Amino acid sequence: MKRLGWMLLALAFSASATAADLREAPADEVGMSAERLDRITAMAQGYVDEGKLAGVVTLVARDGAIVHFEAVGNRGANDDRPLEKDALFRIFSMTKPITAVAAMILYEEGKFQLSDPVSKFVPEFENLTVLGDDGVIRPAENEMTMQQLLSHTTGLSYGFNPADAVDQRYQAAELWSSKDLDELTEKIAAIPLKFEPGAQWHYSVAVDITGVVVERISGQTFDVFLKERIFDPLGMEDTFFNVPEDKRDRFLPNHTWDAENETLVQTGSDEEVLVGYTDTTLFSGGGGLVSTTMDYLRFCEMMRRGGELDGVRILGPKTVAYMSQDHLGGALTSGGAGERPFDTLLPGGFGFGLGFGIVTDPVAARVMGSAGEYNWGGAAGTVFWIDPVEDLIVIGMIQLLGSPWPLRAEMKTLTYQALTEIR
């Protein structure tokens, strides 16, 4: 009986420690100022009051303690219900770091090497071609590798530039009408590369192909792999490609900014909000996920802790450190079109790791921060960063496609000015 009592006491302490892994705490406990953190809320409220954003959720955590978590504004331009902290957002390219982690789980299991050719797992990529500057399509001289896939140095593209001959082919291929990843892969493989693999950095569909590799190696559909190996273990109950019926009332509409009329426009009718997010079978590792601020915090906190959260290890700490190092070097980001791993509002000072943008020089980035911070954002204005120097995680969530506002830079300034102790 006495032994049972000690066991129950130990379990109680264990449960308490687990619950405390992500807790709310006074800012001054972790070297931050609550008064100064309130400036983040004021900034977000200003955008709402000016009609530039419908609603904003912001979160700051340090040492695993949530010191700022606020929702301001409404659900949408046509929906005046207050925005809640548990709202569901299209995170678009914030899907990419999750996909990179999925791949590195298999890497740790010895299922591939970063030097392996992608064609080893995706035979459709065996005979790739490159469109030369002279307009001639030639066989690629080099094999595309897994490391290039994870660092956006493949020669693949997204099709954003209508004046570019390769991007025109991407647009004509109608990639996002594909029924699944296999069909998407066939379409991409038929388009010539923009350059030889490894020659430049260029943002692309490479992470979607990473999802294909995960499927081919694991034998599971990509959505199931993510759920079983990342979401369920981390307690990410609100992250998925298809929004469950009982959670659809929390899914926000998207918006665009009408610059001519200086008006925020909700895209689509209320009935169209869920289009593409209820029954998709195209599980885009580059941009298909829906999530909440708190779920994404759990993912980020796992990374900040070196691959573990609540006693569950997803990756080893050395793997996390390797992913969050710059894998490019100056040669890859200074040639060609002069492209750089980008936050369009923070030019320069960036590299790219495996699935994450890396701050290499905060001075060149022209905003406060730390060298070694890793980050990314989404097409609808969502953003996150993890600062291993200051043990910070910051997340901002909006739903505005092609946001013209310097929200990311402002969040960085307002977060770092709130530090009262630096490390």
Foldseek 3Di string as FASTA:
>chain_A
DVVVVVVVVVVVVLVVVQVQLAEADAPVVQFFFLVLLCVLVVVQQVCCVLQNFQKKWKWKDFNNHTHDTDIAHPLDPPGRHGADQFFKEQFFQVLLLLLLLLLVLVVVVVLDDQADFLCVQVVLQVFAWAQDPVRDIGTAPDGAGNQLLQFQQALAAALPDCVDPQSVLNVVLPLVVDQALNRSSNSRRVGHGHDHRPQAHYDHLSSQSSLSSSCRSVVDRSQVSSVVQPCVLLVQPFKGLAGDPVNVVSYGFFWEADVVVRHIGTPDDPVCRRVRRHDGNYCRSRGRMMGGPVSVVSVLSCLLVQQDHSRDGNDGNVSSLQQLDFPRPPSRQCDDPNHAPDDPQFPDQWGGGRSWIFRQDVVSSVADDDGSKTWDGRQQGWIWIAHNQRRMIITMDGRYGPRPDPSVRVVRRSVVVRRNDGD
